[in-house]
């Protein structure tokens, strides 16, 4: 499985950006899709995940502002980021988990990773 992320950029506080992550290869192996982010000097942190059936879960820091969605026909996952804050500045990574039995917010559970997309929010 290969993951190709796109859509990062710069925005002012209060603005919006949308990230996309296109999967290719043995995509039927993918159960959950997740987004993580890593700010300079910090550990990678969970942002959101979505199961193949559409169940979602968000980190408290983004709940109500970010929306994760998934188009299974296109094998593409999206992260719509609204009302952005400077603390959202980070490199964002999409990831895929093969485990259909449970979902996880831990990065170590995810098997495939896309390249990072820089998101910069200025005040």
PDB file of N, CA and C in Angstrom:
ATOM      1  N   UNK A   1       0.852  -1.194   0.000  1.00  0.00           N
ATOM      2  CA  UNK A   1       0.000   0.000   0.000  1.00  0.00           C
ATOM      3  C   UNK A   1       0.887   1.244   0.000  1.00  0.00           C
ATOM      4  N   UNK A   2       0.538   2.179  -0.866  1.00  0.00           N
ATOM      5  CA  UNK A   2       1.241   3.463  -0.909  1.00  0.00           C
ATOM      6  C   UNK A   2       0.233   4.569  -0.623  1.00  0.00           C
ATOM      7  N   UNK A   3       0.662   5.546   0.151  1.00  0.00           N
ATOM      8  CA  UNK A   3      -0.188   6.675   0.508  1.00  0.00           C
ATOM      9  C   UNK A   3       0.457   7.953  -0.001  1.00  0.00           C
ATOM     10  N   UNK A   4      -0.335   8.764  -0.707  1.00  0.00           N
ATOM     11  CA  UNK A   4       0.152  10.027  -1.256  1.00  0.00           C
ATOM     12  C   UNK A   4      -0.692  11.155  -0.704  1.00  0.00           C
ATOM     13  N   UNK A   5      -0.078  11.980   0.114  1.00  0.00           N
ATOM     14  CA  UNK A   5      -0.787  13.094   0.730  1.00  0.00           C
ATOM     15  C   UNK A   5      -0.591  14.369  -0.072  1.00  0.00           C
ATOM     16  N   UNK A   6      -1.579  15.244  -0.015  1.00  0.00           N
ATOM     17  CA  UNK A   6      -1.487  16.539  -0.693  1.00  0.00           C
ATOM     18  C   UNK A   6      -2.379  17.535   0.019  1.00  0.00           C
ATOM     19  N   UNK A   7      -2.181  18.819  -0.293  1.00  0.00           N
ATOM     20  CA  UNK A   7      -3.094  19.843   0.193  1.00  0.00           C
ATOM     21  C   UNK A   7      -2.587  20.713   1.319  1.00  0.00           C
ATOM     22  N   UNK A   8      -1.380  20.547   1.770  1.00  0.00           N
ATOM     23  CA  UNK A   8      -0.870  21.414   2.830  1.00  0.00           C
ATOM     24  C   UNK A   8      -0.647  22.825   2.322  1.00  0.00           C
ATOM     25  N   UNK A   9      -0.238  23.707   3.226  1.00  0.00           N
ATOM     26  CA  UNK A   9       0.023  25.073   2.843  1.00  0.00           C
ATOM     27  C   UNK A   9       0.000  25.995   4.036  1.00  0.00           C
ATOM     28  N   UNK A  10      -0.147  27.276   3.743  1.00  0.00           N
ATOM     29  CA  UNK A  10      -0.159  28.296   4.789  1.00  0.00           C
ATOM     30  C   UNK A  10      -1.504  28.985   4.824  1.00  0.00           C
ATOM     31  N   UNK A  11      -1.944  29.316   6.012  1.00  0.00           N
ATOM     32  CA  UNK A  11      -3.238  29.977   6.187  1.00  0.00           C
ATOM     33  C   UNK A  11      -3.163  30.847   7.430  1.00  0.00           C
ATOM     34  N   UNK A  12      -3.976  31.870   7.481  1.00  0.00           N
ATOM     35  CA  UNK A  12      -4.050  32.693   8.681  1.00  0.00           C
ATOM     36  C   UNK A  12      -4.990  32.055   9.691  1.00  0.00           C
ATOM     37  N   UNK A  13      -4.813  32.418  10.925  1.00  0.00           N
ATOM     38  CA  UNK A  13      -5.678  31.894  11.980  1.00  0.00           C
ATOM     39  C   UNK A  13      -7.138  32.157  11.634  1.00  0.00           C
ATOM     40  N   UNK A  14      -7.952  31.141  11.861  1.00  0.00           N
ATOM     41  CA  UNK A  14      -9.357  31.224  11.518  1.00  0.00           C
ATOM     42  C   UNK A  14      -9.679  30.696  10.136  1.00  0.00           C
ATOM     43  N   UNK A  15      -8.657  30.446   9.342  1.00  0.00           N
ATOM     44  CA  UNK A  15      -8.856  29.972   7.989  1.00  0.00           C
ATOM     45  C   UNK A  15      -9.022  28.470   7.910  1.00  0.00           C
ATOM     46  N   UNK A  16      -9.077  27.978   6.669  1.00  0.00           N
ATOM     47  CA  UNK A  16      -9.335  26.551   6.431  1.00  0.00           C
ATOM     48  C   UNK A  16      -8.378  25.994   5.397  1.00  0.00           C
ATOM     49  N   UNK A  17      -8.079  24.718   5.547  1.00  0.00           N
ATOM     50  CA  UNK A  17      -7.314  23.954   4.574  1.00  0.00           C
ATOM     51  C   UNK A  17      -7.903  22.549   4.526  1.00  0.00           C
ATOM     52  N   UNK A  18      -7.707  21.874   3.396  1.00  0.00           N
ATOM     53  CA  UNK A  18      -8.125  20.480   3.296  1.00  0.00           C
ATOM     54  C   UNK A  18      -6.954  19.638   2.830  1.00  0.00           C
ATOM     55  N   UNK A  19      -6.677  18.591   3.562  1.00  0.00           N
ATOM     56  CA  UNK A  19      -5.659  17.624   3.181  1.00  0.00           C
ATOM     57  C   UNK A  19      -6.327  16.418   2.539  1.00  0.00           C
ATOM     58  N   UNK A  20      -5.634  15.836   1.574  1.00  0.00           N
ATOM     59  CA  UNK A  20      -6.102  14.612   0.932  1.00  0.00           C
ATOM     60  C   UNK A  20      -5.025  13.548   1.041  1.00  0.00           C
ATOM     61  N   UNK A  21      -5.460  12.296   1.044  1.00  0.00           N
ATOM     62  CA  UNK A  21      -4.522  11.178   1.100  1.00  0.00           C
ATOM     63  C   UNK A  21      -5.063  10.081   0.205  1.00  0.00           C
ATOM     64  N   UNK A  22      -4.386   9.832  -0.903  1.00  0.00           N
ATOM     65  CA  UNK A  22      -4.813   8.820  -1.863  1.00  0.00           C
ATOM     66  C   UNK A  22      -4.029   7.537  -1.638  1.00  0.00           C
ATOM     67  N   UNK A  23      -4.749   6.431  -1.532  1.00  0.00           N
ATOM     68  CA  UNK A  23      -4.121   5.126  -1.322  1.00  0.00           C
ATOM     69  C   UNK A  23      -4.088   4.344  -2.623  1.00  0.00           C
ATOM     70  N   UNK A  24      -3.034   3.581  -2.815  1.00  0.00           N
ATOM     71  CA  UNK A  24      -2.927   2.720  -3.984  1.00  0.00           C
ATOM     72  C   UNK A  24      -2.267   1.412  -3.555  1.00  0.00           C
ATOM     73  N   UNK A  25      -2.384   0.425  -4.427  1.00  0.00           N
ATOM     74  CA  UNK A  25      -1.851  -0.897  -4.097  1.00  0.00           C
ATOM     75  C   UNK A  25      -2.945  -1.777  -3.521  1.00  0.00           C
ATOM     76  N   UNK A  26      -2.617  -2.592  -2.542  1.00  0.00           N
ATOM     77  CA  UNK A  26      -3.576  -3.536  -1.938  1.00  0.00           C
ATOM     78  C   UNK A  26      -4.456  -2.814  -0.927  1.00  0.00           C
ATOM     79  N   UNK A  27      -5.307  -1.973  -1.411  1.00  0.00           N
ATOM     80  CA  UNK A  27      -6.091  -1.105  -0.534  1.00  0.00           C
ATOM     81  C   UNK A  27      -7.175  -1.851   0.234  1.00  0.00           C
ATOM     82  N   UNK A  28      -7.566  -3.040  -0.213  1.00  0.00           N
ATOM     83  CA  UNK A  28      -8.544  -3.809   0.560  1.00  0.00           C
ATOM     84  C   UNK A  28      -7.981  -4.234   1.906  1.00  0.00           C
ATOM     85  N   UNK A  29      -6.662  -4.163   2.047  1.00  0.00           N
ATOM     86  CA  UNK A  29      -6.043  -4.468   3.333  1.00  0.00           C
ATOM     87  C   UNK A  29      -6.275  -3.370   4.360  1.00  0.00           C
ATOM     88  N   UNK A  30      -6.716  -2.207   3.903  1.00  0.00           N
ATOM     89  CA  UNK A  30      -6.828  -1.055   4.794  1.00  0.00           C
ATOM     90  C   UNK A  30      -8.155  -1.085   5.548  1.00  0.00           C
ATOM     91  N   UNK A  31      -8.068  -1.042   6.871  1.00  0.00           N
ATOM     92  CA  UNK A  31      -9.261  -0.927   7.696  1.00  0.00           C
ATOM     93  C   UNK A  31      -9.492   0.553   8.026  1.00  0.00           C
ATOM     94  N   UNK A  32      -8.678   1.087   8.904  1.00  0.00           N
ATOM     95  CA  UNK A  32      -8.815   2.487   9.305  1.00  0.00           C
ATOM     96  C   UNK A  32      -7.794   3.365   8.588  1.00  0.00           C
ATOM     97  N   UNK A  33      -8.186   4.617   8.393  1.00  0.00           N
ATOM     98  CA  UNK A  33      -7.276   5.649   7.919  1.00  0.00           C
ATOM     99  C   UNK A  33      -7.167   6.701   9.020  1.00  0.00           C
ATOM    100  N   UNK A  34      -5.958   7.138   9.261  1.00  0.00           N
ATOM    101  CA  UNK A  34      -5.753   8.126  10.316  1.00  0.00           C
ATOM    102  C   UNK A  34      -4.912   9.294   9.846  1.00  0.00           C
ATOM    103  N   UNK A  35      -5.045  10.383  10.593  1.00  0.00           N
ATOM    104  CA  UNK A  35      -4.174  11.543  10.407  1.00  0.00           C
ATOM    105  C   UNK A  35      -3.447  11.798  11.720  1.00  0.00           C
ATOM    106  N   UNK A  36      -2.160  12.063  11.594  1.00  0.00           N
ATOM    107  CA  UNK A  36      -1.326  12.428  12.722  1.00  0.00           C
ATOM    108  C   UNK A  36      -0.597  13.716  12.365  1.00  0.00           C
ATOM    109  N   UNK A  37      -0.023  14.370  13.358  1.00  0.00           N
ATOM    110  CA  UNK A  37       0.758  15.571  13.081  1.00  0.00           C
ATOM    111  C   UNK A  37       1.935  15.643  14.036  1.00  0.00           C
ATOM    112  N   UNK A  38       2.960  16.342  13.578  1.00  0.00           N
ATOM    113  CA  UNK A  38       4.153  16.508  14.391  1.00  0.00           C
ATOM    114  C   UNK A  38       4.658  17.929  14.250  1.00  0.00           C
ATOM    115  N   UNK A  39       4.644  18.648  15.353  1.00  0.00           N
ATOM    116  CA  UNK A  39       5.162  20.010  15.396  1.00  0.00           C
ATOM    117  C   UNK A  39       6.648  19.966  15.745  1.00  0.00           C
ATOM    118  N   UNK A  40       7.382  21.021  15.398  1.00  0.00           N
ATOM    119  CA  UNK A  40       8.817  21.038  15.692  1.00  0.00           C
ATOM    120  C   UNK A  40       9.092  20.828  17.176  1.00  0.00           C
ATOM    121  N   UNK A  41       9.991  19.905  17.480  1.00  0.00           N
ATOM    122  CA  UNK A  41      10.367  19.644  18.855  1.00  0.00           C
ATOM    123  C   UNK A  41       9.366  18.842  19.654  1.00  0.00           C
ATOM    124  N   UNK A  42       8.307  18.377  19.002  1.00  0.00           N
ATOM    125  CA  UNK A  42       7.279  17.613  19.715  1.00  0.00           C
ATOM    126  C   UNK A  42       7.139  16.219  19.113  1.00  0.00           C
ATOM    127  N   UNK A  43       6.506  15.342  19.874  1.00  0.00           N
ATOM    128  CA  UNK A  43       6.252  14.002  19.376  1.00  0.00           C
ATOM    129  C   UNK A  43       5.069  14.010  18.411  1.00  0.00           C
ATOM    130  N   UNK A  44       5.033  12.983  17.571  1.00  0.00           N
ATOM    131  CA  UNK A  44       3.906  12.843  16.658  1.00  0.00           C
ATOM    132  C   UNK A  44       2.645  12.573  17.478  1.00  0.00           C
ATOM    133  N   UNK A  45       1.558  13.252  17.132  1.00  0.00           N
ATOM    134  CA  UNK A  45       0.323  13.086  17.889  1.00  0.00           C
ATOM    135  C   UNK A  45      -0.838  12.749  16.971  1.00  0.00           C
ATOM    136  N   UNK A  46      -1.772  12.029  17.557  1.00  0.00           N
ATOM    137  CA  UNK A  46      -2.980  11.618  16.846  1.00  0.00           C
ATOM    138  C   UNK A  46      -3.881  12.820  16.588  1.00  0.00           C
ATOM    139  N   UNK A  47      -4.509  12.844  15.409  1.00  0.00           N
ATOM    140  CA  UNK A  47      -5.473  13.889  15.070  1.00  0.00           C
ATOM    141  C   UNK A  47      -6.874  13.302  14.909  1.00  0.00           C
ATOM    142  N   UNK A  48      -7.016  12.305  14.036  1.00  0.00           N
ATOM    143  CA  UNK A  48      -8.332  11.720  13.775  1.00  0.00           C
ATOM    144  C   UNK A  48      -8.162  10.395  13.044  1.00  0.00           C
ATOM    145  N   UNK A  49      -9.180   9.543  13.162  1.00  0.00           N
ATOM    146  CA  UNK A  49      -9.219   8.358  12.314  1.00  0.00           C
ATOM    147  C   UNK A  49     -10.639   8.108  11.836  1.00  0.00           C
ATOM    148  N   UNK A  50     -10.738   7.345  10.762  1.00  0.00           N
ATOM    149  CA  UNK A  50     -12.026   6.941  10.210  1.00  0.00           C
ATOM    150  C   UNK A  50     -11.923   5.485   9.784  1.00  0.00           C
ATOM    151  N   UNK A  51     -12.941   4.715  10.143  1.00  0.00           N
ATOM    152  CA  UNK A  51     -12.956   3.306   9.754  1.00  0.00           C
ATOM    153  C   UNK A  51     -13.497   3.178   8.329  1.00  0.00           C
ATOM    154  N   UNK A  52     -13.397   1.978   7.781  1.00  0.00           N
ATOM    155  CA  UNK A  52     -13.909   1.777   6.424  1.00  0.00           C
ATOM    156  C   UNK A  52     -15.425   1.966   6.381  1.00  0.00           C
ATOM    157  N   UNK A  53     -16.090   1.724   7.511  1.00  0.00           N
ATOM    158  CA  UNK A  53     -17.542   1.906   7.557  1.00  0.00           C
ATOM    159  C   UNK A  53     -17.946   3.325   7.926  1.00  0.00           C
ATOM    160  N   UNK A  54     -16.968   4.209   8.188  1.00  0.00           N
ATOM    161  CA  UNK A  54     -17.287   5.607   8.418  1.00  0.00           C
ATOM    162  C   UNK A  54     -17.290   6.065   9.860  1.00  0.00           C
ATOM    163  N   UNK A  55     -16.983   5.196  10.788  1.00  0.00           N
ATOM    164  CA  UNK A  55     -16.888   5.625  12.181  1.00  0.00           C
ATOM    165  C   UNK A  55     -15.673   6.518  12.348  1.00  0.00           C
ATOM    166  N   UNK A  56     -15.840   7.588  13.102  1.00  0.00           N
ATOM    167  CA  UNK A  56     -14.758   8.556  13.262  1.00  0.00           C
ATOM    168  C   UNK A  56     -14.429   8.797  14.733  1.00  0.00           C
ATOM    169  N   UNK A  57     -13.228   9.290  14.948  1.00  0.00           N
ATOM    170  CA  UNK A  57     -12.789   9.655  16.290  1.00  0.00           C
ATOM    171  C   UNK A  57     -11.771  10.763  16.153  1.00  0.00           C
ATOM    172  N   UNK A  58     -11.850  11.757  17.078  1.00  0.00           N
ATOM    173  CA  UNK A  58     -10.987  12.922  16.987  1.00  0.00           C
ATOM    174  C   UNK A  58     -10.244  13.168  18.291  1.00  0.00           C
ATOM    175  N   UNK A  59      -9.073  13.753  18.165  1.00  0.00           N
ATOM    176  CA  UNK A  59      -8.391  14.272  19.337  1.00  0.00           C
ATOM    177  C   UNK A  59      -9.191  15.453  19.875  1.00  0.00           C
ATOM    178  N   UNK A  60      -9.166  15.633  21.173  1.00  0.00           N
ATOM    179  CA  UNK A  60      -9.926  16.732  21.784  1.00  0.00           C
ATOM    180  C   UNK A  60      -9.500  18.087  21.219  1.00  0.00           C
ATOM    181  N   UNK A  61      -8.236  18.210  20.869  1.00  0.00           N
ATOM    182  CA  UNK A  61      -7.713  19.495  20.412  1.00  0.00           C
ATOM    183  C   UNK A  61      -8.282  19.939  19.068  1.00  0.00           C
ATOM    184  N   UNK A  62      -8.851  19.015  18.304  1.00  0.00           N
ATOM    185  CA  UNK A  62      -9.376  19.370  16.988  1.00  0.00           C
ATOM    186  C   UNK A  62     -10.876  19.122  16.867  1.00  0.00           C
ATOM    187  N   UNK A  63     -11.465  18.533  17.872  1.00  0.00           N
ATOM    188  CA  UNK A  63     -12.894  18.183  17.820  1.00  0.00           C
ATOM    189  C   UNK A  63     -13.723  19.433  17.600  1.00  0.00           C
ATOM    190  N   UNK A  64     -14.637  19.352  16.653  1.00  0.00           N
ATOM    191  CA  UNK A  64     -15.496  20.485  16.332  1.00  0.00           C
ATOM    192  C   UNK A  64     -14.908  21.423  15.292  1.00  0.00           C
ATOM    193  N   UNK A  65     -13.626  21.273  14.994  1.00  0.00           N
ATOM    194  CA  UNK A  65     -12.976  22.121  13.991  1.00  0.00           C
ATOM    195  C   UNK A  65     -12.526  21.330  12.765  1.00  0.00           C
ATOM    196  N   UNK A  66     -12.094  20.115  12.978  1.00  0.00           N
ATOM    197  CA  UNK A  66     -11.603  19.269  11.889  1.00  0.00           C
ATOM    198  C   UNK A  66     -12.634  18.188  11.584  1.00  0.00           C
ATOM    199  N   UNK A  67     -12.705  17.802  10.312  1.00  0.00           N
ATOM    200  CA  UNK A  67     -13.583  16.713   9.902  1.00  0.00           C
ATOM    201  C   UNK A  67     -12.817  15.753   9.012  1.00  0.00           C
ATOM    202  N   UNK A  68     -12.830  14.489   9.384  1.00  0.00           N
ATOM    203  CA  UNK A  68     -12.206  13.457   8.552  1.00  0.00           C
ATOM    204  C   UNK A  68     -13.301  12.762   7.760  1.00  0.00           C
ATOM    205  N   UNK A  69     -13.012  12.485   6.504  1.00  0.00           N
ATOM    206  CA  UNK A  69     -13.969  11.785   5.663  1.00  0.00           C
ATOM    207  C   UNK A  69     -13.216  10.856   4.725  1.00  0.00           C
ATOM    208  N   UNK A  70     -13.984   9.996   4.074  1.00  0.00           N
ATOM    209  CA  UNK A  70     -13.325   8.946   3.293  1.00  0.00           C
ATOM    210  C   UNK A  70     -14.211   8.581   2.116  1.00  0.00           C
ATOM    211  N   UNK A  71     -13.624   8.508   0.940  1.00  0.00           N
ATOM    212  CA  UNK A  71     -14.309   8.061  -0.261  1.00  0.00           C
ATOM    213  C   UNK A  71     -13.707   6.711  -0.627  1.00  0.00           C
ATOM    214  N   UNK A  72     -14.393   5.641  -0.263  1.00  0.00           N
ATOM    215  CA  UNK A  72     -13.834   4.307  -0.488  1.00  0.00           C
ATOM    216  C   UNK A  72     -13.697   3.976  -1.972  1.00  0.00           C
ATOM    217  N   UNK A  73     -14.592   4.522  -2.786  1.00  0.00           N
ATOM    218  CA  UNK A  73     -14.514   4.253  -4.228  1.00  0.00           C
ATOM    219  C   UNK A  73     -13.237   4.852  -4.814  1.00  0.00           C
ATOM    220  N   UNK A  74     -12.838   5.998  -4.285  1.00  0.00           N
ATOM    221  CA  UNK A  74     -11.622   6.658  -4.777  1.00  0.00           C
ATOM    222  C   UNK A  74     -10.403   6.311  -3.918  1.00  0.00           C
ATOM    223  N   UNK A  75     -10.616   5.557  -2.859  1.00  0.00           N
ATOM    224  CA  UNK A  75      -9.550   5.207  -1.928  1.00  0.00           C
ATOM    225  C   UNK A  75      -8.803   6.465  -1.481  1.00  0.00           C
ATOM    226  N   UNK A  76      -9.577   7.464  -1.139  1.00  0.00           N
ATOM    227  CA  UNK A  76      -9.009   8.738  -0.720  1.00  0.00           C
ATOM    228  C   UNK A  76      -9.642   9.171   0.598  1.00  0.00           C
ATOM    229  N   UNK A  77      -8.812   9.651   1.484  1.00  0.00           N
ATOM    230  CA  UNK A  77      -9.244  10.159   2.783  1.00  0.00           C
ATOM    231  C   UNK A  77      -8.936  11.641   2.847  1.00  0.00           C
ATOM    232  N   UNK A  78      -9.827  12.397   3.491  1.00  0.00           N
ATOM    233  CA  UNK A  78      -9.690  13.840   3.558  1.00  0.00           C
ATOM    234  C   UNK A  78      -9.659  14.301   5.019  1.00  0.00           C
ATOM    235  N   UNK A  79      -8.997  15.404   5.238  1.00  0.00           N
ATOM    236  CA  UNK A  79      -9.049  16.072   6.537  1.00  0.00           C
ATOM    237  C   UNK A  79      -9.364  17.537   6.277  1.00  0.00           C
ATOM    238  N   UNK A  80     -10.599  17.923   6.557  1.00  0.00           N
ATOM    239  CA  UNK A  80     -11.009  19.310   6.426  1.00  0.00           C
ATOM    240  C   UNK A  80     -10.704  20.019   7.733  1.00  0.00           C
ATOM    241  N   UNK A  81      -9.909  21.056   7.655  1.00  0.00           N
ATOM    242  CA  UNK A  81      -9.465  21.777   8.856  1.00  0.00           C
ATOM    243  C   UNK A  81     -10.024  23.191   8.816  1.00  0.00           C
ATOM    244  N   UNK A  82     -10.931  23.497   9.717  1.00  0.00           N
ATOM    245  CA  UNK A  82     -11.548  24.817   9.807  1.00  0.00           C
ATOM    246  C   UNK A  82     -11.142  25.503  11.101  1.00  0.00           C
ATOM    247  N   UNK A  83     -11.384  26.797  11.163  1.00  0.00           N
ATOM    248  CA  UNK A  83     -11.090  27.578  12.372  1.00  0.00           C
ATOM    249  C   UNK A  83      -9.695  27.269  12.896  1.00  0.00           C
ATOM    250  N   UNK A  84      -8.758  27.315  11.996  1.00  0.00           N
ATOM    251  CA  UNK A  84      -7.415  26.873  12.374  1.00  0.00           C
ATOM    252  C   UNK A  84      -6.738  27.851  13.329  1.00  0.00           C
ATOM    253  N   UNK A  85      -5.876  27.281  14.154  1.00  0.00           N
ATOM    254  CA  UNK A  85      -5.149  28.022  15.166  1.00  0.00           C
ATOM    255  C   UNK A  85      -3.643  27.875  14.925  1.00  0.00           C
ATOM    256  N   UNK A  86      -2.856  28.837  15.401  1.00  0.00           N
ATOM    257  CA  UNK A  86      -1.396  28.703  15.228  1.00  0.00           C
ATOM    258  C   UNK A  86      -0.849  27.383  15.777  1.00  0.00           C
ATOM    259  N   UNK A  87      -1.477  26.865  16.814  1.00  0.00           N
ATOM    260  CA  UNK A  87      -0.993  25.601  17.392  1.00  0.00           C
ATOM    261  C   UNK A  87      -1.307  24.390  16.513  1.00  0.00           C
ATOM    262  N   UNK A  88      -2.026  24.595  15.427  1.00  0.00           N
ATOM    263  CA  UNK A  88      -2.236  23.518  14.455  1.00  0.00           C
ATOM    264  C   UNK A  88      -1.050  23.381  13.506  1.00  0.00           C
ATOM    265  N   UNK A  89      -0.111  24.316  13.576  1.00  0.00           N
ATOM    266  CA  UNK A  89       1.061  24.264  12.719  1.00  0.00           C
ATOM    267  C   UNK A  89       1.857  23.002  12.986  1.00  0.00           C
ATOM    268  N   UNK A  90       2.080  22.217  11.935  1.00  0.00           N
ATOM    269  CA  UNK A  90       2.775  20.939  12.072  1.00  0.00           C
ATOM    270  C   UNK A  90       2.920  20.311  10.693  1.00  0.00           C
ATOM    271  N   UNK A  91       3.683  19.246  10.644  1.00  0.00           N
ATOM    272  CA  UNK A  91       3.686  18.372   9.478  1.00  0.00           C
ATOM    273  C   UNK A  91       2.614  17.319   9.718  1.00  0.00           C
ATOM    274  N   UNK A  92       1.705  17.184   8.786  1.00  0.00           N
ATOM    275  CA  UNK A  92       0.592  16.249   8.903  1.00  0.00           C
ATOM    276  C   UNK A  92       0.880  15.000   8.075  1.00  0.00           C
ATOM    277  N   UNK A  93       0.595  13.841   8.678  1.00  0.00           N
ATOM    278  CA  UNK A  93       0.837  12.550   8.033  1.00  0.00           C
ATOM    279  C   UNK A  93      -0.461  11.749   7.985  1.00  0.00           C
ATOM    280  N   UNK A  94      -0.735  11.135   6.837  1.00  0.00           N
ATOM    281  CA  UNK A  94      -1.823  10.174   6.799  1.00  0.00           C
ATOM    282  C   UNK A  94      -1.234   8.775   7.000  1.00  0.00           C
ATOM    283  N   UNK A  95      -2.061   7.887   7.525  1.00  0.00           N
ATOM    284  CA  UNK A  95      -1.601   6.544   7.851  1.00  0.00           C
ATOM    285  C   UNK A  95      -2.738   5.547   7.673  1.00  0.00           C
ATOM    286  N   UNK A  96      -2.379   4.298   7.414  1.00  0.00           N
ATOM    287  CA  UNK A  96      -3.366   3.242   7.200  1.00  0.00           C
ATOM    288  C   UNK A  96      -3.097   2.075   8.141  1.00  0.00           C
ATOM    289  N   UNK A  97      -4.174   1.523   8.675  1.00  0.00           N
ATOM    290  CA  UNK A  97      -4.117   0.423   9.629  1.00  0.00           C
ATOM    291  C   UNK A  97      -4.792  -0.794   9.018  1.00  0.00           C
ATOM    292  N   UNK A  98      -4.169  -1.950   9.088  1.00  0.00           N
ATOM    293  CA  UNK A  98      -4.717  -3.176   8.494  1.00  0.00           C
ATOM    294  C   UNK A  98      -5.647  -3.934   9.431  1.00  0.00           C
ATOM    295  N   UNK A  99      -5.682  -3.525  10.679  1.00  0.00           N
ATOM    296  CA  UNK A  99      -6.427  -4.284  11.683  1.00  0.00           C
ATOM    297  C   UNK A  99      -7.915  -3.957  11.633  1.00  0.00           C
ATOM    298  N   UNK A 100      -8.727  -4.927  11.205  1.00  0.00           N
ATOM    299  CA  UNK A 100     -10.166  -4.733  11.126  1.00  0.00           C
ATOM    300  C   UNK A 100     -10.874  -5.009  12.465  1.00  0.00           C
ATOM    301  N   UNK A 101     -10.140  -5.500  13.454  1.00  0.00           N
ATOM    302  CA  UNK A 101     -10.819  -5.898  14.694  1.00  0.00           C
ATOM    303  C   UNK A 101     -10.988  -4.760  15.680  1.00  0.00           C
ATOM    304  N   UNK A 102     -10.158  -3.729  15.586  1.00  0.00           N
ATOM    305  CA  UNK A 102     -10.284  -2.595  16.494  1.00  0.00           C
ATOM    306  C   UNK A 102      -9.582  -1.391  15.896  1.00  0.00           C
ATOM    307  N   UNK A 103      -9.906  -0.217  16.434  1.00  0.00           N
ATOM    308  CA  UNK A 103      -9.293   1.027  15.974  1.00  0.00           C
ATOM    309  C   UNK A 103      -8.358   1.552  17.046  1.00  0.00           C
ATOM    310  N   UNK A 104      -7.464   2.449  16.649  1.00  0.00           N
ATOM    311  CA  UNK A 104      -6.472   2.922  17.606  1.00  0.00           C
ATOM    312  C   UNK A 104      -6.044   4.346  17.297  1.00  0.00           C
ATOM    313  N   UNK A 105      -5.647   5.054  18.357  1.00  0.00           N
ATOM    314  CA  UNK A 105      -5.066   6.381  18.210  1.00  0.00           C
ATOM    315  C   UNK A 105      -3.536   6.330  18.298  1.00  0.00           C
ATOM    316  N   UNK A 106      -2.981   5.145  18.481  1.00  0.00           N
ATOM    317  CA  UNK A 106      -1.530   5.012  18.625  1.00  0.00           C
ATOM    318  C   UNK A 106      -0.862   4.889  17.269  1.00  0.00           C
ATOM    319  N   UNK A 107       0.150   5.669  17.039  1.00  0.00           N
ATOM    320  CA  UNK A 107       0.860   5.666  15.758  1.00  0.00           C
ATOM    321  C   UNK A 107       1.484   4.312  15.469  1.00  0.00           C
ATOM    322  N   UNK A 108       1.881   3.598  16.513  1.00  0.00           N
ATOM    323  CA  UNK A 108       2.543   2.304  16.319  1.00  0.00           C
ATOM    324  C   UNK A 108       1.603   1.245  15.752  1.00  0.00           C
ATOM    325  N   UNK A 109       0.298   1.508  15.832  1.00  0.00           N
ATOM    326  CA  UNK A 109      -0.680   0.551  15.284  1.00  0.00           C
ATOM    327  C   UNK A 109      -0.819   0.640  13.773  1.00  0.00           C
ATOM    328  N   UNK A 110      -0.365   1.736  13.199  1.00  0.00           N
ATOM    329  CA  UNK A 110      -0.566   1.981  11.773  1.00  0.00           C
ATOM    330  C   UNK A 110       0.584   1.397  10.967  1.00  0.00           C
ATOM    331  N   UNK A 111       0.211   0.776   9.850  1.00  0.00           N
ATOM    332  CA  UNK A 111       1.179  -0.004   9.083  1.00  0.00           C
ATOM    333  C   UNK A 111       1.807   0.759   7.920  1.00  0.00           C
ATOM    334  N   UNK A 112       1.070   1.688   7.380  1.00  0.00           N
ATOM    335  CA  UNK A 112       1.550   2.415   6.199  1.00  0.00           C
ATOM    336  C   UNK A 112       1.429   3.910   6.457  1.00  0.00           C
ATOM    337  N   UNK A 113       2.397   4.651   5.933  1.00  0.00           N
ATOM    338  CA  UNK A 113       2.434   6.093   6.165  1.00  0.00           C
ATOM    339  C   UNK A 113       2.694   6.833   4.865  1.00  0.00           C
ATOM    340  N   UNK A 114       2.014   7.973   4.724  1.00  0.00           N
ATOM    341  CA  UNK A 114       2.302   8.847   3.617  1.00  0.00           C
ATOM    342  C   UNK A 114       3.433   9.801   3.965  1.00  0.00           C
ATOM    343  N   UNK A 115       3.865  10.542   2.969  1.00  0.00           N
ATOM    344  CA  UNK A 115       4.866  11.572   3.237  1.00  0.00           C
ATOM    345  C   UNK A 115       4.166  12.721   3.955  1.00  0.00           C
ATOM    346  N   UNK A 116       4.860  13.511   4.663  1.00  0.00           N
ATOM    347  CA  UNK A 116       4.245  14.594   5.417  1.00  0.00           C
ATOM    348  C   UNK A 116       3.843  15.771   4.556  1.00  0.00           C
ATOM    349  N   UNK A 117       2.839  16.489   5.027  1.00  0.00           N
ATOM    350  CA  UNK A 117       2.391  17.731   4.392  1.00  0.00           C
ATOM    351  C   UNK A 117       2.482  18.849   5.421  1.00  0.00           C
ATOM    352  N   UNK A 118       3.202  19.893   5.087  1.00  0.00           N
ATOM    353  CA  UNK A 118       3.374  21.004   6.021  1.00  0.00           C
ATOM    354  C   UNK A 118       2.116  21.875   6.044  1.00  0.00           C
ATOM    355  N   UNK A 119       1.641  22.140   7.251  1.00  0.00           N
ATOM    356  CA  UNK A 119       0.535  23.079   7.461  1.00  0.00           C
ATOM    357  C   UNK A 119       1.045  24.162   8.408  1.00  0.00           C
ATOM    358  N   UNK A 120       0.952  25.406   7.967  1.00  0.00           N
ATOM    359  CA  UNK A 120       1.420  26.529   8.776  1.00  0.00           C
ATOM    360  C   UNK A 120       0.270  27.505   8.971  1.00  0.00           C
ATOM    361  N   UNK A 121      -0.035  27.789  10.228  1.00  0.00           N
ATOM    362  CA  UNK A 121      -1.109  28.716  10.565  1.00  0.00           C
ATOM    363  C   UNK A 121      -0.492  29.919  11.262  1.00  0.00           C
ATOM    364  N   UNK A 122      -0.667  31.080  10.669  1.00  0.00           N
ATOM    365  CA  UNK A 122      -0.079  32.294  11.227  1.00  0.00           C
ATOM    366  C   UNK A 122      -1.132  33.090  11.995  1.00  0.00           C
ATOM    367  N   UNK A 123      -0.668  33.783  13.012  1.00  0.00           N
ATOM    368  CA  UNK A 123      -1.593  34.563  13.850  1.00  0.00           C
ATOM    369  C   UNK A 123      -1.790  35.964  13.319  1.00  0.00           C
TER     370      UNK A 123
END
